[in-house]
Amino acid sequence: RLACAASGFSVSSNAMSWYRQIPGKERELVALISSTSGFTNYGDSVKG
């Protein structure tokens, strides 16, 4: 379980995302959670 501790703003007011990066490749989206409804979205390789 990874944690992202935020300061200087409230995570409730922003969409927050996790990305990952392998050396030599561009960062790819892993997961996103919206700022309002709590809607989530995931990269195909990590769904489930």
All heavy atoms as atom14 arrays in JSON, in Angstrom:
{
  "sequence": "RLACAASGFSVSSNAMSWYRQIPGKERELVALISSTSGFTNYGDSVKG",
  "atom14_mask": [
    [1, 1, 1, 1, 1, 1, 1, 1, 1, 1, 1, 0, 0, 0],
    [1, 1, 1, 1, 1, 1, 1, 1, 0, 0, 0, 0, 0, 0],
    [1, 1, 1, 1, 1, 0, 0, 0, 0, 0, 0, 0, 0, 0],
    [1, 1, 1, 1, 1, 1, 0, 0, 0, 0, 0, 0, 0, 0],
    [1, 1, 1, 1, 1, 0, 0, 0, 0, 0, 0, 0, 0, 0],
    [1, 1, 1, 1, 1, 0, 0, 0, 0, 0, 0, 0, 0, 0],
    [1, 1, 1, 1, 1, 1, 0, 0, 0, 0, 0, 0, 0, 0],
    [1, 1, 1, 1, 0, 0, 0, 0, 0, 0, 0, 0, 0, 0],
    [1, 1, 1, 1, 1, 1, 1, 1, 1, 1, 1, 0, 0, 0],
    [1, 1, 1, 1, 1, 1, 0, 0, 0, 0, 0, 0, 0, 0],
    [1, 1, 1, 1, 1, 1, 1, 0, 0, 0, 0, 0, 0, 0],
    [1, 1, 1, 1, 1, 1, 0, 0, 0, 0, 0, 0, 0, 0],
    [1, 1, 1, 1, 1, 1, 0, 0, 0, 0, 0, 0, 0, 0],
    [1, 1, 1, 1, 1, 1, 1, 1, 0, 0, 0, 0, 0, 0],
    [1, 1, 1, 1, 1, 0, 0, 0, 0, 0, 0, 0, 0, 0],
    [1, 1, 1, 1, 1, 1, 1, 1, 0, 0, 0, 0, 0, 0],
    [1, 1, 1, 1, 1, 1, 0, 0, 0, 0, 0, 0, 0, 0],
    [1, 1, 1, 1, 1, 1, 1, 1, 1, 1, 1, 1, 1, 1],
    [1, 1, 1, 1, 1, 1, 1, 1, 1, 1, 1, 1, 0, 0],
    [1, 1, 1, 1, 1, 1, 1, 1, 1, 1, 1, 0, 0, 0],
    [1, 1, 1, 1, 1, 1, 1, 1, 1, 0, 0, 0, 0, 0],
    [1, 1, 1, 1, 1, 1, 1, 1, 0, 0, 0, 0, 0, 0],
    [1, 1, 1, 1, 1, 1, 1, 0, 0, 0, 0, 0, 0, 0],
    [1, 1, 1, 1, 0, 0, 0, 0, 0, 0, 0, 0, 0, 0],
    [1, 1, 1, 1, 1, 1, 1, 1, 1, 0, 0, 0, 0, 0],
    [1, 1, 1, 1, 1, 1, 1, 1, 1, 0, 0, 0, 0, 0],
    [1, 1, 1, 1, 1, 1, 1, 1, 1, 1, 1, 0, 0, 0],
    [1, 1, 1, 1, 1, 1, 1, 1, 1, 0, 0, 0, 0, 0],
    [1, 1, 1, 1, 1, 1, 1, 1, 0, 0, 0, 0, 0, 0],
    [1, 1, 1, 1, 1, 1, 1, 0, 0, 0, 0, 0, 0, 0],
    [1, 1, 1, 1, 1, 0, 0, 0, 0, 0, 0, 0, 0, 0],
    [1, 1, 1, 1, 1, 1, 1, 1, 0, 0, 0, 0, 0, 0],
    [1, 1, 1, 1, 1, 1, 1, 1, 0, 0, 0, 0, 0, 0],
    [1, 1, 1, 1, 1, 1, 0, 0, 0, 0, 0, 0, 0, 0],
    [1, 1, 1, 1, 1, 1, 0, 0, 0, 0, 0, 0, 0, 0],
    [1, 1, 1, 1, 1, 1, 1, 0, 0, 0, 0, 0, 0, 0],
    [1, 1, 1, 1, 1, 1, 0, 0, 0, 0, 0, 0, 0, 0],
    [1, 1, 1, 1, 0, 0, 0, 0, 0, 0, 0, 0, 0, 0],
    [1, 1, 1, 1, 1, 1, 1, 1, 1, 1, 1, 0, 0, 0],
    [1, 1, 1, 1, 1, 1, 1, 0, 0, 0, 0, 0, 0, 0],
    [1, 1, 1, 1, 1, 1, 1, 1, 0, 0, 0, 0, 0, 0],
    [1, 1, 1, 1, 1, 1, 1, 1, 1, 1, 1, 1, 0, 0],
    [1, 1, 1, 1, 0, 0, 0, 0, 0, 0, 0, 0, 0, 0],
    [1, 1, 1, 1, 1, 1, 1, 1, 0, 0, 0, 0, 0, 0],
    [1, 1, 1, 1, 1, 1, 0, 0, 0, 0, 0, 0, 0, 0],
    [1, 1, 1, 1, 1, 1, 1, 0, 0, 0, 0, 0, 0, 0],
    [1, 1, 1, 1, 1, 1, 1, 1, 1, 0, 0, 0, 0, 0],
    [1, 1, 1, 1, 0, 0, 0, 0, 0, 0, 0, 0, 0, 0]
  ],
  "atom14_positions": [
    [[0.84, -1.19, 0.0], [0.0, 0.0, 0.0], [0.88, 1.23, 0.0], [1.67, 1.45, 0.93], [-0.95, 0.04, 1.21], [-1.98, 1.18, 1.09], [-2.95, 1.22, 2.24], [-2.36, 1.75, 3.46], [-3.05, 2.31, 4.45], [-4.37, 2.42, 4.35], [-2.42, 2.74, 5.53], [0.0, 0.0, 0.0], [0.0, 0.0, 0.0], [0.0, 0.0, 0.0]],
    [[0.74, 2.04, -1.05], [1.47, 3.29, -1.16], [0.63, 4.43, -0.6], [-0.6, 4.4, -0.67], [1.82, 3.6, -2.62], [2.56, 2.52, -3.4], [2.88, 3.03, -4.8], [3.81, 2.08, -2.67], [0.0, 0.0, 0.0], [0.0, 0.0, 0.0], [0.0, 0.0, 0.0], [0.0, 0.0, 0.0], [0.0, 0.0, 0.0], [0.0, 0.0, 0.0]],
    [[1.29, 5.45, -0.04], [0.61, 6.62, 0.49], [1.2, 7.88, -0.13], [2.4, 7.95, -0.4], [0.73, 6.69, 2.01], [0.0, 0.0, 0.0], [0.0, 0.0, 0.0], [0.0, 0.0, 0.0], [0.0, 0.0, 0.0], [0.0, 0.0, 0.0], [0.0, 0.0, 0.0], [0.0, 0.0, 0.0], [0.0, 0.0, 0.0], [0.0, 0.0, 0.0]],
    [[0.34, 8.86, -0.38], [0.75, 10.17, -0.87], [0.22, 11.21, 0.1], [-0.99, 11.49, 0.12], [0.19, 10.41, -2.28], [0.42, 12.09, -2.91], [0.0, 0.0, 0.0], [0.0, 0.0, 0.0], [0.0, 0.0, 0.0], [0.0, 0.0, 0.0], [0.0, 0.0, 0.0], [0.0, 0.0, 0.0], [0.0, 0.0, 0.0], [0.0, 0.0, 0.0]],
    [[1.11, 11.77, 0.92], [0.74, 12.79, 1.89], [0.86, 14.17, 1.26], [1.93, 14.54, 0.78], [1.63, 12.69, 3.13], [0.0, 0.0, 0.0], [0.0, 0.0, 0.0], [0.0, 0.0, 0.0], [0.0, 0.0, 0.0], [0.0, 0.0, 0.0], [0.0, 0.0, 0.0], [0.0, 0.0, 0.0], [0.0, 0.0, 0.0], [0.0, 0.0, 0.0]],
    [[-0.23, 14.92, 1.26], [-0.27, 16.23, 0.62], [-0.24, 17.35, 1.65], [-0.76, 17.21, 2.76], [-1.53, 16.36, -0.24], [0.0, 0.0, 0.0], [0.0, 0.0, 0.0], [0.0, 0.0, 0.0], [0.0, 0.0, 0.0], [0.0, 0.0, 0.0], [0.0, 0.0, 0.0], [0.0, 0.0, 0.0], [0.0, 0.0, 0.0], [0.0, 0.0, 0.0]],
    [[0.38, 18.47, 1.27], [0.38, 19.67, 2.09], [0.25, 20.88, 1.19], [0.63, 20.84, 0.03], [1.64, 19.76, 2.96], [2.81, 19.77, 2.15], [0.0, 0.0, 0.0], [0.0, 0.0, 0.0], [0.0, 0.0, 0.0], [0.0, 0.0, 0.0], [0.0, 0.0, 0.0], [0.0, 0.0, 0.0], [0.0, 0.0, 0.0], [0.0, 0.0, 0.0]],
    [[-0.28, 21.97, 1.74], [-0.46, 23.19, 0.97], [-1.77, 23.27, 0.23], [-2.08, 24.32, -0.36], [0.0, 0.0, 0.0], [0.0, 0.0, 0.0], [0.0, 0.0, 0.0], [0.0, 0.0, 0.0], [0.0, 0.0, 0.0], [0.0, 0.0, 0.0], [0.0, 0.0, 0.0], [0.0, 0.0, 0.0], [0.0, 0.0, 0.0], [0.0, 0.0, 0.0]],
    [[-2.54, 22.21, 0.22], [-3.86, 22.17, -0.41], [-4.62, 20.99, 0.15], [-4.04, 20.14, 0.83], [-3.76, 22.09, -1.94], [-3.32, 20.73, -2.43], [-4.26, 19.82, -2.93], [-2.0, 20.36, -2.4], [-3.85, 18.57, -3.38], [-1.58, 19.12, -2.84], [-2.52, 18.22, -3.34], [0.0, 0.0, 0.0], [0.0, 0.0, 0.0], [0.0, 0.0, 0.0]],
    [[-5.89, 20.91, -0.14], [-6.74, 19.81, 0.31], [-6.95, 18.82, -0.82], [-7.35, 19.21, -1.92], [-8.08, 20.33, 0.81], [-8.95, 19.26, 1.13], [0.0, 0.0, 0.0], [0.0, 0.0, 0.0], [0.0, 0.0, 0.0], [0.0, 0.0, 0.0], [0.0, 0.0, 0.0], [0.0, 0.0, 0.0], [0.0, 0.0, 0.0], [0.0, 0.0, 0.0]],
    [[-6.71, 17.53, -0.56], [-6.91, 16.52, -1.59], [-8.38, 16.39, -1.96], [-8.7, 15.86, -3.03], [-6.34, 15.15, -1.17], [-4.85, 15.25, -0.9], [-7.07, 14.6, 0.06], [0.0, 0.0, 0.0], [0.0, 0.0, 0.0], [0.0, 0.0, 0.0], [0.0, 0.0, 0.0], [0.0, 0.0, 0.0], [0.0, 0.0, 0.0], [0.0, 0.0, 0.0]],
    [[-9.27, 16.86, -1.1], [-10.7, 16.8, -1.39], [-11.1, 17.76, -2.5], [-12.18, 17.59, -3.09], [-11.52, 17.09, -0.14], [-11.35, 18.43, 0.29], [0.0, 0.0, 0.0], [0.0, 0.0, 0.0], [0.0, 0.0, 0.0], [0.0, 0.0, 0.0], [0.0, 0.0, 0.0], [0.0, 0.0, 0.0], [0.0, 0.0, 0.0], [0.0, 0.0, 0.0]],
    [[-10.27, 18.75, -2.79], [-10.6, 19.76, -3.79], [-9.9, 19.54, -5.12], [-10.04, 20.35, -6.04], [-10.25, 21.16, -3.27], [-8.86, 21.29, -3.03], [0.0, 0.0, 0.0], [0.0, 0.0, 0.0], [0.0, 0.0, 0.0], [0.0, 0.0, 0.0], [0.0, 0.0, 0.0], [0.0, 0.0, 0.0], [0.0, 0.0, 0.0], [0.0, 0.0, 0.0]],
    [[-9.15, 18.45, -5.24], [-8.37, 18.18, -6.45], [-8.53, 16.74, -6.89], [-8.66, 15.83, -6.07], [-6.88, 18.44, -6.21], [-6.53, 19.91, -6.19], [-6.18, 20.48, -7.21], [-6.63, 20.51, -5.02], [0.0, 0.0, 0.0], [0.0, 0.0, 0.0], [0.0, 0.0, 0.0], [0.0, 0.0, 0.0], [0.0, 0.0, 0.0], [0.0, 0.0, 0.0]],
    [[-8.52, 16.53, -8.2], [-8.34, 15.18, -8.72], [-6.91, 14.74, -8.44], [-5.97, 15.5, -8.64], [-8.63, 15.14, -10.22], [0.0, 0.0, 0.0], [0.0, 0.0, 0.0], [0.0, 0.0, 0.0], [0.0, 0.0, 0.0], [0.0, 0.0, 0.0], [0.0, 0.0, 0.0], [0.0, 0.0, 0.0], [0.0, 0.0, 0.0], [0.0, 0.0, 0.0]],
    [[-6.74, 13.51, -7.96], [-5.43, 12.98, -7.6], [-5.16, 11.73, -8.42], [-6.06, 10.92, -8.67], [-5.37, 12.65, -6.12], [-5.7, 13.81, -5.19], [-4.47, 15.14, -5.24], [-3.01, 14.29, -4.62], [0.0, 0.0, 0.0], [0.0, 0.0, 0.0], [0.0, 0.0, 0.0], [0.0, 0.0, 0.0], [0.0, 0.0, 0.0], [0.0, 0.0, 0.0]],
    [[-3.88, 11.55, -8.81], [-3.51, 10.43, -9.67], [-2.24, 9.76, -9.17], [-1.41, 10.37, -8.49], [-3.28, 10.89, -11.11], [-4.43, 11.48, -11.67], [0.0, 0.0, 0.0], [0.0, 0.0, 0.0], [0.0, 0.0, 0.0], [0.0, 0.0, 0.0], [0.0, 0.0, 0.0], [0.0, 0.0, 0.0], [0.0, 0.0, 0.0], [0.0, 0.0, 0.0]],
    [[-2.1, 8.49, -9.54], [-0.85, 7.76, -9.42], [-0.35, 7.44, -10.83], [-1.11, 6.95, -11.67], [-1.02, 6.45, -8.64], [-1.19, 6.63, -7.17], [-2.36, 6.67, -6.48], [-0.14, 6.77, -6.21], [-2.11, 6.83, -5.13], [-0.76, 6.9, -4.94], [1.25, 6.81, -6.29], [-0.03, 7.06, -3.76], [1.98, 6.97, -5.11], [1.34, 7.09, -3.88]],
    [[0.92, 7.72, -11.07], [1.62, 7.34, -12.29], [2.79, 6.44, -11.92], [3.24, 6.41, -10.78], [2.15, 8.56, -13.04], [1.11, 9.34, -13.81], [0.21, 10.17, -13.16], [1.06, 9.27, -15.2], [-0.74, 10.89, -13.86], [0.12, 9.99, -15.92], [-0.77, 10.81, -15.24], [-1.7, 11.53, -15.95], [0.0, 0.0, 0.0], [0.0, 0.0, 0.0]],
    [[3.3, 5.7, -12.91], [4.52, 4.93, -12.7], [5.44, 5.07, -13.91], [4.98, 5.35, -15.02], [4.23, 3.46, -12.41], [3.63, 2.68, -13.56], [3.26, 1.28, -13.09], [2.73, 0.46, -14.17], [2.23, -0.75, -13.99], [2.2, -1.29, -12.77], [1.75, -1.44, -15.03], [0.0, 0.0, 0.0], [0.0, 0.0, 0.0], [0.0, 0.0, 0.0]],
    [[6.74, 4.87, -13.69], [7.72, 5.06, -14.74], [8.8, 3.99, -14.69], [9.39, 3.74, -13.64], [8.37, 6.43, -14.63], [9.32, 6.76, -15.78], [9.77, 8.2, -15.76], [9.82, 8.84, -14.71], [10.08, 8.72, -16.93], [0.0, 0.0, 0.0], [0.0, 0.0, 0.0], [0.0, 0.0, 0.0], [0.0, 0.0, 0.0], [0.0, 0.0, 0.0]],
    [[9.04, 3.36, -15.84], [10.16, 2.46, -16.04], [11.25, 3.26, -16.76], [10.94, 4.01, -17.69], [9.75, 1.24, -16.88], [8.65, 0.45, -16.16], [10.94, 0.35, -17.2], [8.04, -0.65, -16.99], [0.0, 0.0, 0.0], [0.0, 0.0, 0.0], [0.0, 0.0, 0.0], [0.0, 0.0, 0.0], [0.0, 0.0, 0.0], [0.0, 0.0, 0.0]],
    [[12.52, 3.13, -16.33], [13.59, 3.89, -17.0], [13.56, 3.72, -18.51], [13.45, 2.61, -19.02], [14.86, 3.32, -16.38], [14.44, 2.87, -15.02], [13.04, 2.34, -15.21], [0.0, 0.0, 0.0], [0.0, 0.0, 0.0], [0.0, 0.0, 0.0], [0.0, 0.0, 0.0], [0.0, 0.0, 0.0], [0.0, 0.0, 0.0], [0.0, 0.0, 0.0]],
    [[13.67, 4.84, -19.23], [13.65, 4.82, -20.68], [12.27, 4.89, -21.3], [12.16, 4.97, -22.52], [0.0, 0.0, 0.0], [0.0, 0.0, 0.0], [0.0, 0.0, 0.0], [0.0, 0.0, 0.0], [0.0, 0.0, 0.0], [0.0, 0.0, 0.0], [0.0, 0.0, 0.0], [0.0, 0.0, 0.0], [0.0, 0.0, 0.0], [0.0, 0.0, 0.0]],
    [[11.23, 4.85, -20.47], [9.86, 4.94, -20.97], [9.14, 6.1, -20.31], [9.51, 6.55, -19.24], [9.1, 3.64, -20.72], [9.66, 2.44, -21.45], [8.78, 1.22, -21.28], [9.29, 0.05, -22.09], [8.4, -1.13, -21.96], [0.0, 0.0, 0.0], [0.0, 0.0, 0.0], [0.0, 0.0, 0.0], [0.0, 0.0, 0.0], [0.0, 0.0, 0.0]],
    [[8.09, 6.59, -20.98], [7.29, 7.67, -20.42], [6.45, 7.18, -19.26], [6.09, 6.01, -19.19], [6.38, 8.27, -21.5], [7.11, 8.99, -22.6], [6.18, 9.76, -23.51], [5.12, 10.22, -23.03], [6.51, 9.91, -24.7], [0.0, 0.0, 0.0], [0.0, 0.0, 0.0], [0.0, 0.0, 0.0], [0.0, 0.0, 0.0], [0.0, 0.0, 0.0]],
    [[6.16, 8.09, -18.36], [5.28, 7.77, -17.25], [3.89, 7.4, -17.77], [3.38, 8.01, -18.71], [5.18, 8.95, -16.3], [6.47, 9.27, -15.59], [6.33, 10.42, -14.62], [7.63, 10.79, -14.06], [7.83, 11.73, -13.15], [6.8, 12.43, -12.68], [9.05, 11.98, -12.7], [0.0, 0.0, 0.0], [0.0, 0.0, 0.0], [0.0, 0.0, 0.0]],
    [[3.27, 6.39, -17.13], [1.95, 5.95, -17.52], [0.98, 6.1, -16.34], [1.36, 5.92, -15.18], [1.95, 4.51, -18.01], [2.34, 3.49, -16.95], [2.17, 2.06, -17.42], [1.15, 1.76, -18.1], [3.05, 1.23, -17.13], [0.0, 0.0, 0.0], [0.0, 0.0, 0.0], [0.0, 0.0, 0.0], [0.0, 0.0, 0.0], [0.0, 0.0, 0.0]],
    [[-0.26, 6.41, -16.66], [-1.29, 6.55, -15.64], [-1.63, 5.19, -15.05], [-1.9, 4.23, -15.78], [-2.54, 7.19, -16.24], [-3.74, 7.33, -15.29], [-3.42, 8.35, -14.19], [-4.99, 7.74, -16.05], [0.0, 0.0, 0.0], [0.0, 0.0, 0.0], [0.0, 0.0, 0.0], [0.0, 0.0, 0.0], [0.0, 0.0, 0.0], [0.0, 0.0, 0.0]],
    [[-1.63, 5.11, -13.72], [-2.01, 3.91, -13.01], [-3.44, 4.01, -12.5], [-4.25, 3.1, -12.68], [-1.05, 3.63, -11.84], [-1.51, 2.43, -11.03], [0.37, 3.41, -12.36], [0.0, 0.0, 0.0], [0.0, 0.0, 0.0], [0.0, 0.0, 0.0], [0.0, 0.0, 0.0], [0.0, 0.0, 0.0], [0.0, 0.0, 0.0], [0.0, 0.0, 0.0]],
    [[-3.77, 5.13, -11.83], [-5.09, 5.29, -11.23], [-5.38, 6.77, -11.01], [-4.47, 7.57, -10.84], [-5.19, 4.54, -9.91], [0.0, 0.0, 0.0], [0.0, 0.0, 0.0], [0.0, 0.0, 0.0], [0.0, 0.0, 0.0], [0.0, 0.0, 0.0], [0.0, 0.0, 0.0], [0.0, 0.0, 0.0], [0.0, 0.0, 0.0], [0.0, 0.0, 0.0]],
    [[-6.67, 7.12, -11.01], [-7.13, 8.48, -10.78], [-8.37, 8.45, -9.91], [-9.21, 7.55, -10.04], [-7.43, 9.18, -12.11], [-7.99, 10.61, -12.08], [-7.51, 11.38, -13.3], [-9.52, 10.59, -12.05], [0.0, 0.0, 0.0], [0.0, 0.0, 0.0], [0.0, 0.0, 0.0], [0.0, 0.0, 0.0], [0.0, 0.0, 0.0], [0.0, 0.0, 0.0]],
    [[-8.51, 9.45, -9.02], [-9.72, 9.62, -8.24], [-10.16, 11.07, -8.37], [-9.35, 11.99, -8.24], [-9.53, 9.2, -6.77], [-10.86, 9.26, -6.01], [-8.45, 10.03, -6.08], [-10.81, 8.56, -4.65], [0.0, 0.0, 0.0], [0.0, 0.0, 0.0], [0.0, 0.0, 0.0], [0.0, 0.0, 0.0], [0.0, 0.0, 0.0], [0.0, 0.0, 0.0]],
    [[-11.44, 11.3, -8.64], [-11.96, 12.64, -8.88], [-12.07, 13.43, -7.58], [-12.04, 12.88, -6.48], [-13.31, 12.57, -9.58], [-14.32, 12.13, -8.69], [0.0, 0.0, 0.0], [0.0, 0.0, 0.0], [0.0, 0.0, 0.0], [0.0, 0.0, 0.0], [0.0, 0.0, 0.0], [0.0, 0.0, 0.0], [0.0, 0.0, 0.0], [0.0, 0.0, 0.0]],
    [[-12.24, 14.76, -7.73], [-12.33, 15.65, -6.57], [-13.74, 15.78, -6.01], [-13.91, 16.29, -4.92], [-11.81, 17.04, -6.94], [-12.6, 17.62, -7.96], [0.0, 0.0, 0.0], [0.0, 0.0, 0.0], [0.0, 0.0, 0.0], [0.0, 0.0, 0.0], [0.0, 0.0, 0.0], [0.0, 0.0, 0.0], [0.0, 0.0, 0.0], [0.0, 0.0, 0.0]],
    [[-14.74, 15.35, -6.76], [-16.13, 15.56, -6.36], [-16.83, 14.27, -5.94], [-17.09, 14.04, -4.76], [-16.91, 16.24, -7.49], [-16.78, 15.48, -8.69], [-16.38, 17.65, -7.73], [0.0, 0.0, 0.0], [0.0, 0.0, 0.0], [0.0, 0.0, 0.0], [0.0, 0.0, 0.0], [0.0, 0.0, 0.0], [0.0, 0.0, 0.0], [0.0, 0.0, 0.0]],
    [[-17.12, 13.42, -6.9], [-17.93, 12.23, -6.65], [-17.13, 11.04, -6.12], [-17.72, 10.06, -5.65], [-18.65, 11.82, -7.92], [-17.74, 11.39, -8.91], [0.0, 0.0, 0.0], [0.0, 0.0, 0.0], [0.0, 0.0, 0.0], [0.0, 0.0, 0.0], [0.0, 0.0, 0.0], [0.0, 0.0, 0.0], [0.0, 0.0, 0.0], [0.0, 0.0, 0.0]],
    [[-15.81, 11.09, -6.2], [-15.01, 9.94, -5.85], [-14.88, 8.93, -6.98], [-14.4, 7.82, -6.76], [0.0, 0.0, 0.0], [0.0, 0.0, 0.0], [0.0, 0.0, 0.0], [0.0, 0.0, 0.0], [0.0, 0.0, 0.0], [0.0, 0.0, 0.0], [0.0, 0.0, 0.0], [0.0, 0.0, 0.0], [0.0, 0.0, 0.0], [0.0, 0.0, 0.0]],
    [[-15.29, 9.32, -8.18], [-15.13, 8.46, -9.35], [-13.67, 8.07, -9.51], [-12.77, 8.89, -9.32], [-15.62, 9.21, -10.6], [-15.27, 8.54, -11.89], [-16.05, 7.52, -12.39], [-14.15, 8.94, -12.6], [-15.74, 6.9, -13.59], [-13.82, 8.33, -13.8], [-14.61, 7.3, -14.3], [0.0, 0.0, 0.0], [0.0, 0.0, 0.0], [0.0, 0.0, 0.0]],
    [[-13.42, 6.81, -9.88], [-12.07, 6.31, -10.08], [-11.9, 5.74, -11.47], [-12.85, 5.28, -12.1], [-11.72, 5.23, -9.04], [-12.66, 4.15, -9.13], [-11.75, 5.81, -7.63], [0.0, 0.0, 0.0], [0.0, 0.0, 0.0], [0.0, 0.0, 0.0], [0.0, 0.0, 0.0], [0.0, 0.0, 0.0], [0.0, 0.0, 0.0], [0.0, 0.0, 0.0]],
    [[-10.65, 5.76, -11.94], [-10.3, 5.22, -13.24], [-8.93, 4.56, -13.12], [-8.07, 5.04, -12.37], [-10.29, 6.31, -14.3], [-10.2, 5.76, -15.71], [-10.88, 4.79, -16.05], [-9.37, 6.37, -16.54], [0.0, 0.0, 0.0], [0.0, 0.0, 0.0], [0.0, 0.0, 0.0], [0.0, 0.0, 0.0], [0.0, 0.0, 0.0], [0.0, 0.0, 0.0]],
    [[-8.73, 3.47, -13.88], [-7.5, 2.7, -13.77], [-6.93, 2.37, -15.14], [-7.66, 2.21, -16.12], [-7.74, 1.38, -13.02], [-8.22, 1.58, -11.61], [-9.58, 1.64, -11.31], [-7.31, 1.72, -10.57], [-10.02, 1.83, -10.01], [-7.74, 1.91, -9.26], [-9.1, 1.96, -8.99], [-9.53, 2.15, -7.7], [0.0, 0.0, 0.0], [0.0, 0.0, 0.0]],
    [[-5.61, 2.24, -15.19], [-4.97, 1.73, -16.38], [-5.36, 0.28, -16.61], [-5.6, -0.47, -15.67], [0.0, 0.0, 0.0], [0.0, 0.0, 0.0], [0.0, 0.0, 0.0], [0.0, 0.0, 0.0], [0.0, 0.0, 0.0], [0.0, 0.0, 0.0], [0.0, 0.0, 0.0], [0.0, 0.0, 0.0], [0.0, 0.0, 0.0], [0.0, 0.0, 0.0]],
    [[-5.4, -0.12, -17.88], [-5.86, -1.47, -18.21], [-5.04, -2.56, -17.53], [-5.58, -3.6, -17.14], [-5.82, -1.68, -19.73], [-6.88, -0.89, -20.46], [-7.86, -0.47, -19.82], [-6.73, -0.69, -21.68], [0.0, 0.0, 0.0], [0.0, 0.0, 0.0], [0.0, 0.0, 0.0], [0.0, 0.0, 0.0], [0.0, 0.0, 0.0], [0.0, 0.0, 0.0]],
    [[-3.74, -2.35, -17.38], [-2.88, -3.39, -16.85], [-3.05, -3.63, -15.35], [-2.57, -4.65, -14.84], [-1.4, -3.05, -17.13], [-1.02, -1.86, -16.47], [0.0, 0.0, 0.0], [0.0, 0.0, 0.0], [0.0, 0.0, 0.0], [0.0, 0.0, 0.0], [0.0, 0.0, 0.0], [0.0, 0.0, 0.0], [0.0, 0.0, 0.0], [0.0, 0.0, 0.0]],
    [[-3.74, -2.73, -14.64], [-3.88, -2.87, -13.19], [-5.33, -3.04, -12.75], [-5.58, -3.23, -11.55], [-3.25, -1.69, -12.43], [-1.81, -1.48, -12.85], [-4.06, -0.41, -12.64], [0.0, 0.0, 0.0], [0.0, 0.0, 0.0], [0.0, 0.0, 0.0], [0.0, 0.0, 0.0], [0.0, 0.0, 0.0], [0.0, 0.0, 0.0], [0.0, 0.0, 0.0]],
    [[-6.28, -2.99, -13.67], [-7.69, -3.13, -13.32], [-7.94, -4.47, -12.63], [-7.48, -5.51, -13.07], [-8.57, -3.01, -14.56], [-8.68, -1.61, -15.1], [-9.57, -1.54, -16.33], [-9.69, -0.12, -16.85], [-10.51, -0.04, -18.09], [0.0, 0.0, 0.0], [0.0, 0.0, 0.0], [0.0, 0.0, 0.0], [0.0, 0.0, 0.0], [0.0, 0.0, 0.0]],
    [[-8.67, -4.41, -11.52], [-8.97, -5.6, -10.75], [-7.92, -5.95, -9.72], [-8.17, -6.82, -8.87], [0.0, 0.0, 0.0], [0.0, 0.0, 0.0], [0.0, 0.0, 0.0], [0.0, 0.0, 0.0], [0.0, 0.0, 0.0], [0.0, 0.0, 0.0], [0.0, 0.0, 0.0], [0.0, 0.0, 0.0], [0.0, 0.0, 0.0], [0.0, 0.0, 0.0]]
  ]
}
